[in-house]
Amino acid sequence: MGVKEFMCIGALPPFDHPHVFLDMGADSEIICQYCSTLYRYRAGLKADQAEPQACVWRDDAKVAAE
C-alpha cells in the first residue's frame, strides 16, 4: 500500500465486513481486526496503488456518477 490511512472493507460487496478506517501511525504494518488482512506500507507506491493492483477497490457507481 502507498498510504498509511485507509479503509478496509474485507471482501468485495456484498460479502464485505463493516467498513473500518485503519491508521498505521508510525508503524509500517497493521492487521484489520475484522478480516485479519495484513497491510504493509510501501513508500514506493502512490496513494491509489496497491500490490497486487487488484486490491485497490473503486466504487464504480460513484465513478459513473462523476
C-alpha atoms as a PDB file:
ATOM      1  CA  MET A   1       0.000   0.000   0.000  1.00  0.00           C
ATOM      2  CA  GLY A   2       1.144   3.514  -0.707  1.00  0.00           C
ATOM      3  CA  VAL A   3      -0.757   5.107   2.183  1.00  0.00           C
ATOM      4  CA  LYS A   4      -0.864   4.712   5.955  1.00  0.00           C
ATOM      5  CA  GLU A   5      -4.517   5.701   6.464  1.00  0.00           C
ATOM      6  CA  PHE A   6      -7.224   3.854   4.554  1.00  0.00           C
ATOM      7  CA  MET A   7     -10.494   1.940   4.774  1.00  0.00           C
ATOM      8  CA  CYS A   8     -10.733  -1.853   4.861  1.00  0.00           C
ATOM      9  CA  ILE A   9     -13.981  -3.398   3.596  1.00  0.00           C
ATOM     10  CA  GLY A  10     -12.878  -7.048   3.591  1.00  0.00           C
ATOM     11  CA  ALA A  11     -14.175  -8.881   0.533  1.00  0.00           C
ATOM     12  CA  LEU A  12     -15.920  -7.108  -2.317  1.00  0.00           C
ATOM     13  CA  PRO A  13     -19.570  -6.192  -1.716  1.00  0.00           C
ATOM     14  CA  PRO A  14     -21.937  -7.842  -0.922  1.00  0.00           C
ATOM     15  CA  PHE A  15     -19.554 -10.052   1.090  1.00  0.00           C
ATOM     16  CA  ASP A  16     -17.776  -7.159   2.796  1.00  0.00           C
ATOM     17  CA  HIS A  17     -17.447  -6.560   6.522  1.00  0.00           C
ATOM     18  CA  PRO A  18     -18.227  -3.272   8.325  1.00  0.00           C
ATOM     19  CA  HIS A  19     -16.075  -0.605   6.734  1.00  0.00           C
ATOM     20  CA  VAL A  20     -13.328   0.359   9.173  1.00  0.00           C
ATOM     21  CA  PHE A  21     -10.685   3.036   8.906  1.00  0.00           C
ATOM     22  CA  LEU A  22      -7.153   1.908   9.708  1.00  0.00           C
ATOM     23  CA  ASP A  23      -4.256   4.197  10.599  1.00  0.00           C
ATOM     24  CA  MET A  24      -0.736   2.767  10.756  1.00  0.00           C
ATOM     25  CA  GLY A  25       0.648   5.811  12.517  1.00  0.00           C
ATOM     26  CA  ALA A  26       4.429   5.403  12.842  1.00  0.00           C
ATOM     27  CA  ASP A  27       4.233   1.652  12.135  1.00  0.00           C
ATOM     28  CA  SER A  28       4.701   0.068   8.717  1.00  0.00           C
ATOM     29  CA  GLU A  29       2.158  -2.746   9.221  1.00  0.00           C
ATOM     30  CA  ILE A  30      -1.387  -3.124  10.518  1.00  0.00           C
ATOM     31  CA  ILE A  31      -3.869  -6.011  10.741  1.00  0.00           C
ATOM     32  CA  CYS A  32      -7.591  -5.457  10.186  1.00  0.00           C
ATOM     33  CA  GLN A  33      -9.489  -6.520  13.313  1.00  0.00           C
ATOM     34  CA  TYR A  34     -12.391  -7.904  11.234  1.00  0.00           C
ATOM     35  CA  CYS A  35     -10.779  -9.902   8.424  1.00  0.00           C
ATOM     36  CA  SER A  36      -7.195 -10.283   9.709  1.00  0.00           C
ATOM     37  CA  THR A  37      -5.740  -8.881   6.476  1.00  0.00           C
ATOM     38  CA  LEU A  38      -2.154  -7.767   6.991  1.00  0.00           C
ATOM     39  CA  TYR A  39      -1.352  -4.434   5.326  1.00  0.00           C
ATOM     40  CA  ARG A  40       2.223  -3.233   4.783  1.00  0.00           C
ATOM     41  CA  TYR A  41       3.234   0.278   3.863  1.00  0.00           C
ATOM     42  CA  ARG A  42       5.456   0.690   0.807  1.00  0.00           C
ATOM     43  CA  ALA A  43       6.734   4.213   0.209  1.00  0.00           C
ATOM     44  CA  GLY A  44       7.347   3.500  -3.489  1.00  0.00           C
ATOM     45  CA  LEU A  45       3.621   3.108  -4.206  1.00  0.00           C
ATOM     46  CA  LYS A  46       1.353   6.071  -4.936  1.00  0.00           C
ATOM     47  CA  ALA A  47      -1.787   6.740  -2.881  1.00  0.00           C
ATOM     48  CA  ASP A  48      -4.008   4.971  -5.443  1.00  0.00           C
ATOM     49  CA  GLN A  49      -1.792   1.892  -5.801  1.00  0.00           C
ATOM     50  CA  ALA A  50      -1.506  -1.444  -4.023  1.00  0.00           C
ATOM     51  CA  GLU A  51       0.350  -4.650  -4.652  1.00  0.00           C
ATOM     52  CA  PRO A  52      -1.307  -6.551  -6.187  1.00  0.00           C
ATOM     53  CA  GLN A  53      -3.124  -3.733  -8.001  1.00  0.00           C
ATOM     54  CA  ALA A  54      -6.347  -5.792  -7.990  1.00  0.00           C
ATOM     55  CA  CYS A  55      -6.617  -4.998  -4.249  1.00  0.00           C
ATOM     56  CA  VAL A  56      -7.496  -1.367  -4.973  1.00  0.00           C
ATOM     57  CA  TRP A  57     -11.280  -1.039  -4.734  1.00  0.00           C
ATOM     58  CA  ARG A  58     -13.064   1.652  -6.693  1.00  0.00           C
ATOM     59  CA  ASP A  59     -16.745   2.443  -6.258  1.00  0.00           C
ATOM     60  CA  ASP A  60     -17.872   2.036  -9.877  1.00  0.00           C
ATOM     61  CA  ALA A  61     -21.255   3.617  -9.146  1.00  0.00           C
ATOM     62  CA  LYS A  62     -19.573   6.721  -7.721  1.00  0.00           C
ATOM     63  CA  VAL A  63     -17.145   6.942 -10.668  1.00  0.00           C
ATOM     64  CA  ALA A  64     -20.029   6.638 -13.171  1.00  0.00           C
ATOM     65  CA  ALA A  65     -21.914   9.460 -11.425  1.00  0.00           C
ATOM     66  CA  GLU A  66     -18.993  11.878 -11.725  1.00  0.00           C
END
